[in-house]
């Protein structure tokens, strides 16, 4: 039987349990009760049981018959599950999946085993990949051991419509009457952009996307409108696959960072109207880049696309998809 990859909720709960154990200074042999943990984290016992199972896979706890779950090591020796994932995150496999999705070459449903055969990846690699894809809203669990592709921004028209929606809302958010600038957060974000400019060759597409996502979410946060914040978080999740690919292929780290820095500096000076106009120009430029990416990818052969992405420092595994028989 193939084990399903962990969900984002399970990973988050596992980390919360680890943090709670550390705060308690729990010793080896400490007993964990599902009902008490469910009350502690305000969830049902089922996700708690799954999170404890995840910790057991790491060898940190042990389920004992008639005795519940017991901590096998002192809490001080535990580490966060999501940090453990990040240490070995297969970025090349993630980008390979995004390219296949971008080219509409993935079936609507697939299993872990099918992804293993498609990319020549190990079971643990595919499970880590699926965790990240689910967190990013790109896939979701299906029936049985299948996974489903989410209905995301996976074509030029839907991506264009999302940008037009953002053009209507984001520049206007900077002019909201409840606008309150978070100067500390803006200064910190400016520093991150400056560091990226100083060492652009060390900024992968994933980090560049994080800078962009944090920038747009911070502006919506300053607007004082919780619905704009929620909208921006959703848009960032939806645009991540295509924007990561676009950034990997085309984006100049320095140009992208300087555009955002100009907006942040205008806001620090109280020039919100100027910042709003600069933000509109930035989004309009993003539309042009997005359309260029779709156009370019559509005319490239798979071999040409793989060569192009390899120049950016990734090694991709892009075989034809042959669905195995179970």
C-alpha atoms as a PDB file:
ATOM      1  CA  UNK A   1       0.000   0.000   0.000  1.00  0.00           C
ATOM      2  CA  UNK A   2       1.350   3.423  -0.970  1.00  0.00           C
ATOM      3  CA  UNK A   3       1.296   5.962   1.857  1.00  0.00           C
ATOM      4  CA  UNK A   4      -0.187   9.352   1.065  1.00  0.00           C
ATOM      5  CA  UNK A   5       2.012  12.411   1.458  1.00  0.00           C
ATOM      6  CA  UNK A   6       1.350  14.478   4.537  1.00  0.00           C
ATOM      7  CA  UNK A   7      -0.986  17.435   4.267  1.00  0.00           C
ATOM      8  CA  UNK A   8      -0.187  21.021   5.179  1.00  0.00           C
ATOM      9  CA  UNK A   9      -2.457  20.750   8.244  1.00  0.00           C
ATOM     10  CA  UNK A  10      -0.621  17.668   9.500  1.00  0.00           C
ATOM     11  CA  UNK A  11       2.783  19.326   9.030  1.00  0.00           C
ATOM     12  CA  UNK A  12       1.585  22.480  10.806  1.00  0.00           C
ATOM     13  CA  UNK A  13       0.094  20.521  13.714  1.00  0.00           C
ATOM     14  CA  UNK A  14       3.244  18.411  14.013  1.00  0.00           C
ATOM     15  CA  UNK A  15       5.283  21.612  14.338  1.00  0.00           C
ATOM     16  CA  UNK A  16       2.846  23.039  16.894  1.00  0.00           C
ATOM     17  CA  UNK A  17       3.149  19.879  18.976  1.00  0.00           C
ATOM     18  CA  UNK A  18       6.952  20.063  18.778  1.00  0.00           C
ATOM     19  CA  UNK A  19       6.937  23.710  19.855  1.00  0.00           C
ATOM     20  CA  UNK A  20       4.540  22.929  22.725  1.00  0.00           C
ATOM     21  CA  UNK A  21       6.743  20.049  23.895  1.00  0.00           C
ATOM     22  CA  UNK A  22       9.776  22.325  23.863  1.00  0.00           C
ATOM     23  CA  UNK A  23       7.920  24.954  25.894  1.00  0.00           C
ATOM     24  CA  UNK A  24       6.969  22.252  28.425  1.00  0.00           C
ATOM     25  CA  UNK A  25      10.555  21.022  28.573  1.00  0.00           C
ATOM     26  CA  UNK A  26       9.138  17.526  28.073  1.00  0.00           C
ATOM     27  CA  UNK A  27      11.571  14.750  28.993  1.00  0.00           C
ATOM     28  CA  UNK A  28      12.058  11.412  27.287  1.00  0.00           C
ATOM     29  CA  UNK A  29       9.120   9.172  28.177  1.00  0.00           C
ATOM     30  CA  UNK A  30       6.629  12.069  28.339  1.00  0.00           C
ATOM     31  CA  UNK A  31       3.094  10.848  27.506  1.00  0.00           C
ATOM     32  CA  UNK A  32       0.998  12.604  24.851  1.00  0.00           C
ATOM     33  CA  UNK A  33      -2.790  12.243  24.900  1.00  0.00           C
ATOM     34  CA  UNK A  34      -4.776  12.865  21.711  1.00  0.00           C
ATOM     35  CA  UNK A  35      -7.740  14.374  23.569  1.00  0.00           C
ATOM     36  CA  UNK A  36      -5.569  16.837  25.493  1.00  0.00           C
ATOM     37  CA  UNK A  37      -3.717  17.888  22.332  1.00  0.00           C
ATOM     38  CA  UNK A  38      -7.005  18.299  20.446  1.00  0.00           C
ATOM     39  CA  UNK A  39      -8.212  20.668  23.171  1.00  0.00           C
ATOM     40  CA  UNK A  40      -4.875  22.493  23.204  1.00  0.00           C
ATOM     41  CA  UNK A  41      -4.890  23.215  19.461  1.00  0.00           C
ATOM     42  CA  UNK A  42      -8.669  23.451  18.957  1.00  0.00           C
ATOM     43  CA  UNK A  43      -8.925  20.686  16.355  1.00  0.00           C
ATOM     44  CA  UNK A  44     -10.500  17.241  16.239  1.00  0.00           C
ATOM     45  CA  UNK A  45      -8.598  14.132  17.264  1.00  0.00           C
ATOM     46  CA  UNK A  46      -8.216  12.851  13.686  1.00  0.00           C
ATOM     47  CA  UNK A  47      -5.659  15.480  12.505  1.00  0.00           C
ATOM     48  CA  UNK A  48      -3.885  15.187  15.872  1.00  0.00           C
ATOM     49  CA  UNK A  49      -3.575  11.437  15.345  1.00  0.00           C
ATOM     50  CA  UNK A  50      -2.184  12.026  11.853  1.00  0.00           C
ATOM     51  CA  UNK A  51       0.309  14.631  13.151  1.00  0.00           C
ATOM     52  CA  UNK A  52       1.491  12.231  15.861  1.00  0.00           C
ATOM     53  CA  UNK A  53       1.906   9.578  13.194  1.00  0.00           C
ATOM     54  CA  UNK A  54       4.116  12.000  11.300  1.00  0.00           C
ATOM     55  CA  UNK A  55       6.266  12.549  14.397  1.00  0.00           C
ATOM     56  CA  UNK A  56       6.463   8.780  14.838  1.00  0.00           C
ATOM     57  CA  UNK A  57       7.809   8.453  11.285  1.00  0.00           C
ATOM     58  CA  UNK A  58      10.649  10.726  12.351  1.00  0.00           C
ATOM     59  CA  UNK A  59      11.399   8.424  15.300  1.00  0.00           C
ATOM     60  CA  UNK A  60      10.545  11.134  17.852  1.00  0.00           C
ATOM     61  CA  UNK A  61       7.516   9.477  19.460  1.00  0.00           C
ATOM     62  CA  UNK A  62       6.307   5.908  19.810  1.00  0.00           C
ATOM     63  CA  UNK A  63       2.760   4.585  19.933  1.00  0.00           C
ATOM     64  CA  UNK A  64       2.530   1.930  22.659  1.00  0.00           C
ATOM     65  CA  UNK A  65      -0.426  -0.500  23.013  1.00  0.00           C
ATOM     66  CA  UNK A  66      -2.719   0.550  25.875  1.00  0.00           C
ATOM     67  CA  UNK A  67      -0.270   3.280  26.909  1.00  0.00           C
ATOM     68  CA  UNK A  68      -0.811   5.982  24.295  1.00  0.00           C
ATOM     69  CA  UNK A  69       2.015   7.938  22.643  1.00  0.00           C
ATOM     70  CA  UNK A  70       5.351   8.400  24.370  1.00  0.00           C
ATOM     71  CA  UNK A  71       8.202  10.787  23.613  1.00  0.00           C
ATOM     72  CA  UNK A  72      11.315   8.782  22.683  1.00  0.00           C
ATOM     73  CA  UNK A  73      13.795  11.679  23.015  1.00  0.00           C
ATOM     74  CA  UNK A  74      13.901  14.840  25.136  1.00  0.00           C
ATOM     75  CA  UNK A  75      11.953  17.716  23.589  1.00  0.00           C
ATOM     76  CA  UNK A  76      15.183  19.712  23.335  1.00  0.00           C
ATOM     77  CA  UNK A  77      16.338  17.321  20.588  1.00  0.00           C
ATOM     78  CA  UNK A  78      13.275  17.833  18.393  1.00  0.00           C
ATOM     79  CA  UNK A  79      13.301  20.031  15.284  1.00  0.00           C
ATOM     80  CA  UNK A  80      10.484  21.545  13.254  1.00  0.00           C
ATOM     81  CA  UNK A  81       9.144  19.211  10.596  1.00  0.00           C
ATOM     82  CA  UNK A  82       8.799  21.920   7.919  1.00  0.00           C
ATOM     83  CA  UNK A  83      12.416  23.029   8.490  1.00  0.00           C
ATOM     84  CA  UNK A  84      13.463  19.413   8.038  1.00  0.00           C
ATOM     85  CA  UNK A  85      11.654  19.405   4.697  1.00  0.00           C
ATOM     86  CA  UNK A  86      13.266  22.649   3.568  1.00  0.00           C
ATOM     87  CA  UNK A  87      16.783  21.244   4.087  1.00  0.00           C
ATOM     88  CA  UNK A  88      16.252  18.766   1.249  1.00  0.00           C
ATOM     89  CA  UNK A  89      13.597  20.482  -0.842  1.00  0.00           C
ATOM     90  CA  UNK A  90      14.032  19.184  -4.431  1.00  0.00           C
ATOM     91  CA  UNK A  91      13.789  22.501  -6.272  1.00  0.00           C
ATOM     92  CA  UNK A  92      14.618  20.889  -9.607  1.00  0.00           C
ATOM     93  CA  UNK A  93      11.757  18.422  -9.202  1.00  0.00           C
ATOM     94  CA  UNK A  94       9.403  21.239  -8.177  1.00  0.00           C
ATOM     95  CA  UNK A  95      10.302  23.273 -11.258  1.00  0.00           C
ATOM     96  CA  UNK A  96       9.970  20.207 -13.489  1.00  0.00           C
ATOM     97  CA  UNK A  97       6.433  19.721 -12.188  1.00  0.00           C
ATOM     98  CA  UNK A  98       5.601  23.402 -12.748  1.00  0.00           C
ATOM     99  CA  UNK A  99       6.824  23.236 -16.335  1.00  0.00           C
ATOM    100  CA  UNK A 100       4.745  20.134 -17.034  1.00  0.00           C
ATOM    101  CA  UNK A 101       1.740  21.863 -15.510  1.00  0.00           C
ATOM    102  CA  UNK A 102       2.458  25.037 -17.461  1.00  0.00           C
ATOM    103  CA  UNK A 103       2.543  22.999 -20.685  1.00  0.00           C
ATOM    104  CA  UNK A 104      -0.666  21.144 -19.706  1.00  0.00           C
ATOM    105  CA  UNK A 105       1.150  17.815 -19.969  1.00  0.00           C
ATOM    106  CA  UNK A 106       0.005  16.412 -16.636  1.00  0.00           C
ATOM    107  CA  UNK A 107      -3.176  14.358 -16.300  1.00  0.00           C
ATOM    108  CA  UNK A 108      -5.947  15.704 -14.108  1.00  0.00           C
ATOM    109  CA  UNK A 109      -5.326  12.964 -11.531  1.00  0.00           C
ATOM    110  CA  UNK A 110      -2.187  11.027 -10.671  1.00  0.00           C
ATOM    111  CA  UNK A 111      -0.628   8.981  -7.896  1.00  0.00           C
ATOM    112  CA  UNK A 112       2.678   9.165  -6.057  1.00  0.00           C
ATOM    113  CA  UNK A 113       3.835   6.101  -7.940  1.00  0.00           C
ATOM    114  CA  UNK A 114       3.092   7.735 -11.289  1.00  0.00           C
ATOM    115  CA  UNK A 115       5.122  10.805 -10.334  1.00  0.00           C
ATOM    116  CA  UNK A 116       7.989   8.581  -9.184  1.00  0.00           C
ATOM    117  CA  UNK A 117       8.062   6.875 -12.586  1.00  0.00           C
ATOM    118  CA  UNK A 118       7.625  10.104 -14.503  1.00  0.00           C
ATOM    119  CA  UNK A 119      10.539  11.942 -12.887  1.00  0.00           C
ATOM    120  CA  UNK A 120      12.720   9.038 -11.819  1.00  0.00           C
ATOM    121  CA  UNK A 121      12.333  10.251  -8.242  1.00  0.00           C
ATOM    122  CA  UNK A 122      12.325   8.416  -4.946  1.00  0.00           C
ATOM    123  CA  UNK A 123       9.196   7.990  -2.875  1.00  0.00           C
ATOM    124  CA  UNK A 124      10.452  10.451  -0.236  1.00  0.00           C
ATOM    125  CA  UNK A 125      11.274  13.057  -2.928  1.00  0.00           C
ATOM    126  CA  UNK A 126       7.758  12.795  -4.359  1.00  0.00           C
ATOM    127  CA  UNK A 127       6.170  13.005  -0.917  1.00  0.00           C
ATOM    128  CA  UNK A 128       8.125  16.174  -0.106  1.00  0.00           C
ATOM    129  CA  UNK A 129       7.169  17.562  -3.518  1.00  0.00           C
ATOM    130  CA  UNK A 130       3.468  16.913  -2.888  1.00  0.00           C
ATOM    131  CA  UNK A 131       3.633  18.569   0.532  1.00  0.00           C
ATOM    132  CA  UNK A 132       5.009  21.750  -1.044  1.00  0.00           C
ATOM    133  CA  UNK A 133       2.579  21.625  -3.973  1.00  0.00           C
ATOM    134  CA  UNK A 134      -0.389  21.292  -1.599  1.00  0.00           C
ATOM    135  CA  UNK A 135       0.840  24.171   0.565  1.00  0.00           C
ATOM    136  CA  UNK A 136       1.122  26.297  -2.596  1.00  0.00           C
ATOM    137  CA  UNK A 137      -2.410  25.355  -3.674  1.00  0.00           C
ATOM    138  CA  UNK A 138      -1.258  23.572  -6.845  1.00  0.00           C
ATOM    139  CA  UNK A 139      -2.571  20.102  -5.987  1.00  0.00           C
ATOM    140  CA  UNK A 140      -5.108  18.671  -3.576  1.00  0.00           C
ATOM    141  CA  UNK A 141      -5.796  15.152  -2.272  1.00  0.00           C
ATOM    142  CA  UNK A 142      -8.245  13.122  -4.317  1.00  0.00           C
ATOM    143  CA  UNK A 143      -9.984   9.824  -3.714  1.00  0.00           C
ATOM    144  CA  UNK A 144      -7.930   6.839  -2.690  1.00  0.00           C
ATOM    145  CA  UNK A 145      -4.255   7.489  -3.344  1.00  0.00           C
ATOM    146  CA  UNK A 146      -4.796   9.949  -6.171  1.00  0.00           C
ATOM    147  CA  UNK A 147      -3.936  13.652  -6.289  1.00  0.00           C
ATOM    148  CA  UNK A 148      -5.786  16.330  -8.260  1.00  0.00           C
ATOM    149  CA  UNK A 149      -4.460  19.393 -10.043  1.00  0.00           C
ATOM    150  CA  UNK A 150      -6.116  22.508  -8.642  1.00  0.00           C
ATOM    151  CA  UNK A 151      -7.953  24.830 -11.024  1.00  0.00           C
ATOM    152  CA  UNK A 152      -5.267  27.479 -10.879  1.00  0.00           C
ATOM    153  CA  UNK A 153      -3.894  30.248 -13.087  1.00  0.00           C
ATOM    154  CA  UNK A 154      -2.717  27.760 -15.686  1.00  0.00           C
ATOM    155  CA  UNK A 155      -3.425  29.604 -18.919  1.00  0.00           C
ATOM    156  CA  UNK A 156      -2.657  33.032 -20.326  1.00  0.00           C
ATOM    157  CA  UNK A 157      -6.241  34.316 -20.220  1.00  0.00           C
ATOM    158  CA  UNK A 158      -6.898  33.449 -16.568  1.00  0.00           C
ATOM    159  CA  UNK A 159      -3.509  34.884 -15.624  1.00  0.00           C
ATOM    160  CA  UNK A 160      -4.293  38.090 -17.536  1.00  0.00           C
ATOM    161  CA  UNK A 161      -7.668  38.421 -15.800  1.00  0.00           C
ATOM    162  CA  UNK A 162      -6.026  38.043 -12.390  1.00  0.00           C
ATOM    163  CA  UNK A 163      -3.605  40.871 -13.203  1.00  0.00           C
ATOM    164  CA  UNK A 164      -6.471  43.098 -14.393  1.00  0.00           C
ATOM    165  CA  UNK A 165      -8.214  42.417 -11.076  1.00  0.00           C
ATOM    166  CA  UNK A 166      -5.047  43.382  -9.207  1.00  0.00           C
ATOM    167  CA  UNK A 167      -4.678  46.531 -11.311  1.00  0.00           C
ATOM    168  CA  UNK A 168      -8.112  47.635 -10.145  1.00  0.00           C
ATOM    169  CA  UNK A 169      -7.384  46.981  -6.469  1.00  0.00           C
ATOM    170  CA  UNK A 170      -3.707  47.281  -5.559  1.00  0.00           C
ATOM    171  CA  UNK A 171      -2.934  50.855  -6.704  1.00  0.00           C
ATOM    172  CA  UNK A 172      -6.221  52.032  -5.170  1.00  0.00           C
ATOM    173  CA  UNK A 173      -5.325  50.352  -1.853  1.00  0.00           C
ATOM    174  CA  UNK A 174      -2.420  52.783  -1.414  1.00  0.00           C
ATOM    175  CA  UNK A 175      -4.946  55.644  -1.380  1.00  0.00           C
ATOM    176  CA  UNK A 176      -7.351  54.162   1.164  1.00  0.00           C
ATOM    177  CA  UNK A 177      -8.405  56.503   4.014  1.00  0.00           C
ATOM    178  CA  UNK A 178      -7.333  53.911   6.627  1.00  0.00           C
ATOM    179  CA  UNK A 179      -3.857  53.541   5.113  1.00  0.00           C
ATOM    180  CA  UNK A 180      -1.223  53.212   7.856  1.00  0.00           C
ATOM    181  CA  UNK A 181       2.397  52.693   6.881  1.00  0.00           C
ATOM    182  CA  UNK A 182       4.294  49.988   8.771  1.00  0.00           C
ATOM    183  CA  UNK A 183       7.674  51.705   8.630  1.00  0.00           C
ATOM    184  CA  UNK A 184       9.551  48.909  10.401  1.00  0.00           C
ATOM    185  CA  UNK A 185       8.277  46.278   7.969  1.00  0.00           C
ATOM    186  CA  UNK A 186       8.965  48.532   4.965  1.00  0.00           C
ATOM    187  CA  UNK A 187      12.539  49.204   6.091  1.00  0.00           C
ATOM    188  CA  UNK A 188      13.135  45.479   6.615  1.00  0.00           C
ATOM    189  CA  UNK A 189      11.776  44.691   3.155  1.00  0.00           C
ATOM    190  CA  UNK A 190      13.947  47.397   1.604  1.00  0.00           C
ATOM    191  CA  UNK A 191      16.982  45.801   3.238  1.00  0.00           C
ATOM    192  CA  UNK A 192      16.099  42.398   1.799  1.00  0.00           C
ATOM    193  CA  UNK A 193      15.793  43.916  -1.675  1.00  0.00           C
ATOM    194  CA  UNK A 194      19.136  45.688  -1.305  1.00  0.00           C
ATOM    195  CA  UNK A 195      20.821  42.437  -0.302  1.00  0.00           C
ATOM    196  CA  UNK A 196      19.369  40.740  -3.385  1.00  0.00           C
ATOM    197  CA  UNK A 197      20.714  43.511  -5.642  1.00  0.00           C
ATOM    198  CA  UNK A 198      24.194  43.166  -4.144  1.00  0.00           C
ATOM    199  CA  UNK A 199      24.347  39.418  -4.860  1.00  0.00           C
ATOM    200  CA  UNK A 200      21.866  38.790  -7.697  1.00  0.00           C
ATOM    201  CA  UNK A 201      23.514  35.537  -8.773  1.00  0.00           C
ATOM    202  CA  UNK A 202      22.658  34.059  -5.362  1.00  0.00           C
ATOM    203  CA  UNK A 203      18.933  34.842  -5.622  1.00  0.00           C
ATOM    204  CA  UNK A 204      16.972  31.855  -6.989  1.00  0.00           C
ATOM    205  CA  UNK A 205      13.532  32.261  -8.506  1.00  0.00           C
ATOM    206  CA  UNK A 206      11.875  31.011  -5.300  1.00  0.00           C
ATOM    207  CA  UNK A 207      13.496  33.772  -3.226  1.00  0.00           C
ATOM    208  CA  UNK A 208      12.697  36.417  -5.820  1.00  0.00           C
ATOM    209  CA  UNK A 209       9.070  35.301  -5.780  1.00  0.00           C
ATOM    210  CA  UNK A 210       9.035  35.483  -1.971  1.00  0.00           C
ATOM    211  CA  UNK A 211      10.266  39.087  -2.153  1.00  0.00           C
ATOM    212  CA  UNK A 212       7.499  39.920  -4.605  1.00  0.00           C
ATOM    213  CA  UNK A 213       4.791  38.152  -2.592  1.00  0.00           C
ATOM    214  CA  UNK A 214       5.866  39.790   0.675  1.00  0.00           C
ATOM    215  CA  UNK A 215       5.961  43.203  -1.019  1.00  0.00           C
ATOM    216  CA  UNK A 216       2.399  42.998  -2.347  1.00  0.00           C
ATOM    217  CA  UNK A 217       1.003  41.517   0.874  1.00  0.00           C
ATOM    218  CA  UNK A 218       2.663  44.229   2.975  1.00  0.00           C
ATOM    219  CA  UNK A 219       1.052  46.973   0.882  1.00  0.00           C
ATOM    220  CA  UNK A 220      -2.375  45.382   1.294  1.00  0.00           C
ATOM    221  CA  UNK A 221      -1.767  45.012   5.030  1.00  0.00           C
ATOM    222  CA  UNK A 222      -1.021  48.746   5.289  1.00  0.00           C
ATOM    223  CA  UNK A 223      -4.315  49.514   3.534  1.00  0.00           C
ATOM    224  CA  UNK A 224      -6.143  48.491   6.702  1.00  0.00           C
ATOM    225  CA  UNK A 225      -8.578  46.338   4.706  1.00  0.00           C
ATOM    226  CA  UNK A 226      -8.590  42.667   5.689  1.00  0.00           C
ATOM    227  CA  UNK A 227     -10.387  41.662   2.489  1.00  0.00           C
ATOM    228  CA  UNK A 228      -7.616  43.151   0.354  1.00  0.00           C
ATOM    229  CA  UNK A 229      -5.066  41.206   2.416  1.00  0.00           C
ATOM    230  CA  UNK A 230      -6.982  37.951   1.889  1.00  0.00           C
ATOM    231  CA  UNK A 231      -7.322  38.674  -1.836  1.00  0.00           C
ATOM    232  CA  UNK A 232      -3.586  39.262  -2.168  1.00  0.00           C
ATOM    233  CA  UNK A 233      -2.675  36.090  -0.314  1.00  0.00           C
ATOM    234  CA  UNK A 234      -4.930  34.120  -2.631  1.00  0.00           C
ATOM    235  CA  UNK A 235      -3.486  35.786  -5.740  1.00  0.00           C
ATOM    236  CA  UNK A 236       0.051  35.027  -4.579  1.00  0.00           C
ATOM    237  CA  UNK A 237      -0.812  31.351  -4.167  1.00  0.00           C
ATOM    238  CA  UNK A 238      -2.461  31.184  -7.565  1.00  0.00           C
ATOM    239  CA  UNK A 239       0.275  32.989  -9.487  1.00  0.00           C
ATOM    240  CA  UNK A 240       3.217  31.142  -7.963  1.00  0.00           C
ATOM    241  CA  UNK A 241       3.601  28.339 -10.575  1.00  0.00           C
ATOM    242  CA  UNK A 242       3.645  30.542 -13.674  1.00  0.00           C
ATOM    243  CA  UNK A 243       5.481  33.428 -12.001  1.00  0.00           C
ATOM    244  CA  UNK A 244       8.221  31.148 -10.691  1.00  0.00           C
ATOM    245  CA  UNK A 245       8.810  29.871 -14.198  1.00  0.00           C
ATOM    246  CA  UNK A 246       8.726  33.377 -15.652  1.00  0.00           C
ATOM    247  CA  UNK A 247      11.182  34.642 -13.038  1.00  0.00           C
ATOM    248  CA  UNK A 248      13.473  31.687 -13.654  1.00  0.00           C
ATOM    249  CA  UNK A 249      13.611  32.423 -17.374  1.00  0.00           C
ATOM    250  CA  UNK A 250      13.413  36.196 -17.733  1.00  0.00           C
ATOM    251  CA  UNK A 251      13.486  38.347 -14.639  1.00  0.00           C
ATOM    252  CA  UNK A 252      16.409  40.644 -13.876  1.00  0.00           C
ATOM    253  CA  UNK A 253      16.887  40.580 -10.100  1.00  0.00           C
ATOM    254  CA  UNK A 254      18.189  44.152 -10.030  1.00  0.00           C
ATOM    255  CA  UNK A 255      15.423  45.639 -12.181  1.00  0.00           C
ATOM    256  CA  UNK A 256      12.656  43.826 -10.311  1.00  0.00           C
ATOM    257  CA  UNK A 257      14.016  44.859  -6.918  1.00  0.00           C
ATOM    258  CA  UNK A 258      14.605  48.501  -7.881  1.00  0.00           C
ATOM    259  CA  UNK A 259      11.025  48.869  -9.159  1.00  0.00           C
ATOM    260  CA  UNK A 260       9.631  47.692  -5.834  1.00  0.00           C
ATOM    261  CA  UNK A 261      12.157  49.727  -3.833  1.00  0.00           C
ATOM    262  CA  UNK A 262      11.071  52.896  -5.633  1.00  0.00           C
ATOM    263  CA  UNK A 263       7.495  52.272  -4.499  1.00  0.00           C
ATOM    264  CA  UNK A 264       8.527  51.568  -0.907  1.00  0.00           C
ATOM    265  CA  UNK A 265      10.697  54.696  -0.769  1.00  0.00           C
ATOM    266  CA  UNK A 266       7.849  56.841  -2.119  1.00  0.00           C
ATOM    267  CA  UNK A 267       5.587  55.463   0.614  1.00  0.00           C
ATOM    268  CA  UNK A 268       8.163  56.239   3.300  1.00  0.00           C
ATOM    269  CA  UNK A 269       8.169  59.837   2.034  1.00  0.00           C
ATOM    270  CA  UNK A 270       4.372  60.014   2.219  1.00  0.00           C
ATOM    271  CA  UNK A 271       3.989  60.186  -1.581  1.00  0.00           C
ATOM    272  CA  UNK A 272       1.208  57.620  -1.846  1.00  0.00           C
ATOM    273  CA  UNK A 273      -0.158  58.999  -5.116  1.00  0.00           C
ATOM    274  CA  UNK A 274       3.244  58.601  -6.778  1.00  0.00           C
ATOM    275  CA  UNK A 275       3.611  55.142  -5.254  1.00  0.00           C
ATOM    276  CA  UNK A 276       0.192  54.176  -6.591  1.00  0.00           C
ATOM    277  CA  UNK A 277       1.168  55.198 -10.122  1.00  0.00           C
ATOM    278  CA  UNK A 278       4.472  53.336  -9.852  1.00  0.00           C
ATOM    279  CA  UNK A 279       2.635  50.231  -8.663  1.00  0.00           C
ATOM    280  CA  UNK A 280       0.281  50.428 -11.620  1.00  0.00           C
ATOM    281  CA  UNK A 281       3.265  50.638 -13.977  1.00  0.00           C
ATOM    282  CA  UNK A 282       4.901  47.669 -12.236  1.00  0.00           C
ATOM    283  CA  UNK A 283       1.796  45.503 -12.666  1.00  0.00           C
ATOM    284  CA  UNK A 284       1.418  46.525 -16.312  1.00  0.00           C
ATOM    285  CA  UNK A 285       5.040  45.515 -16.884  1.00  0.00           C
ATOM    286  CA  UNK A 286       4.349  42.188 -15.175  1.00  0.00           C
ATOM    287  CA  UNK A 287       1.506  41.583 -17.628  1.00  0.00           C
ATOM    288  CA  UNK A 288       3.867  42.114 -20.563  1.00  0.00           C
ATOM    289  CA  UNK A 289       6.431  39.736 -19.069  1.00  0.00           C
ATOM    290  CA  UNK A 290       3.766  37.139 -18.334  1.00  0.00           C
ATOM    291  CA  UNK A 291       2.454  37.227 -21.906  1.00  0.00           C
ATOM    292  CA  UNK A 292       5.993  37.002 -23.260  1.00  0.00           C
ATOM    293  CA  UNK A 293       6.621  33.925 -21.137  1.00  0.00           C
ATOM    294  CA  UNK A 294       3.476  32.171 -22.340  1.00  0.00           C
ATOM    295  CA  UNK A 295       4.307  33.063 -25.944  1.00  0.00           C
ATOM    296  CA  UNK A 296       7.900  31.873 -25.653  1.00  0.00           C
ATOM    297  CA  UNK A 297       7.111  28.638 -23.869  1.00  0.00           C
ATOM    298  CA  UNK A 298       4.406  27.806 -26.405  1.00  0.00           C
ATOM    299  CA  UNK A 299       6.859  27.912 -29.329  1.00  0.00           C
ATOM    300  CA  UNK A 300       9.757  26.120 -27.628  1.00  0.00           C
ATOM    301  CA  UNK A 301      10.281  22.426 -27.989  1.00  0.00           C
ATOM    302  CA  UNK A 302      10.643  20.441 -24.786  1.00  0.00           C
ATOM    303  CA  UNK A 303      14.363  20.056 -25.466  1.00  0.00           C
ATOM    304  CA  UNK A 304      14.798  23.813 -25.994  1.00  0.00           C
ATOM    305  CA  UNK A 305      12.848  24.583 -22.831  1.00  0.00           C
ATOM    306  CA  UNK A 306      14.922  22.150 -20.805  1.00  0.00           C
ATOM    307  CA  UNK A 307      18.151  23.699 -22.136  1.00  0.00           C
ATOM    308  CA  UNK A 308      16.905  27.189 -21.299  1.00  0.00           C
ATOM    309  CA  UNK A 309      16.007  26.275 -17.734  1.00  0.00           C
ATOM    310  CA  UNK A 310      19.281  24.396 -17.265  1.00  0.00           C
ATOM    311  CA  UNK A 311      21.127  27.612 -18.111  1.00  0.00           C
ATOM    312  CA  UNK A 312      19.384  29.087 -15.112  1.00  0.00           C
ATOM    313  CA  UNK A 313      21.012  26.469 -12.904  1.00  0.00           C
ATOM    314  CA  UNK A 314      18.383  23.730 -12.663  1.00  0.00           C
ATOM    315  CA  UNK A 315      18.590  20.088 -13.675  1.00  0.00           C
ATOM    316  CA  UNK A 316      15.176  18.947 -14.834  1.00  0.00           C
ATOM    317  CA  UNK A 317      13.753  15.502 -15.379  1.00  0.00           C
ATOM    318  CA  UNK A 318      11.133  15.767 -18.100  1.00  0.00           C
ATOM    319  CA  UNK A 319      10.263  12.356 -19.598  1.00  0.00           C
ATOM    320  CA  UNK A 320       7.023  11.576 -21.386  1.00  0.00           C
ATOM    321  CA  UNK A 321       4.178  10.633 -19.090  1.00  0.00           C
ATOM    322  CA  UNK A 322       3.359   6.936 -19.280  1.00  0.00           C
ATOM    323  CA  UNK A 323       0.713   5.927 -16.795  1.00  0.00           C
ATOM    324  CA  UNK A 324       1.736   2.654 -15.159  1.00  0.00           C
ATOM    325  CA  UNK A 325      -0.681  -0.121 -14.436  1.00  0.00           C
ATOM    326  CA  UNK A 326      -1.093  -0.997 -10.784  1.00  0.00           C
END
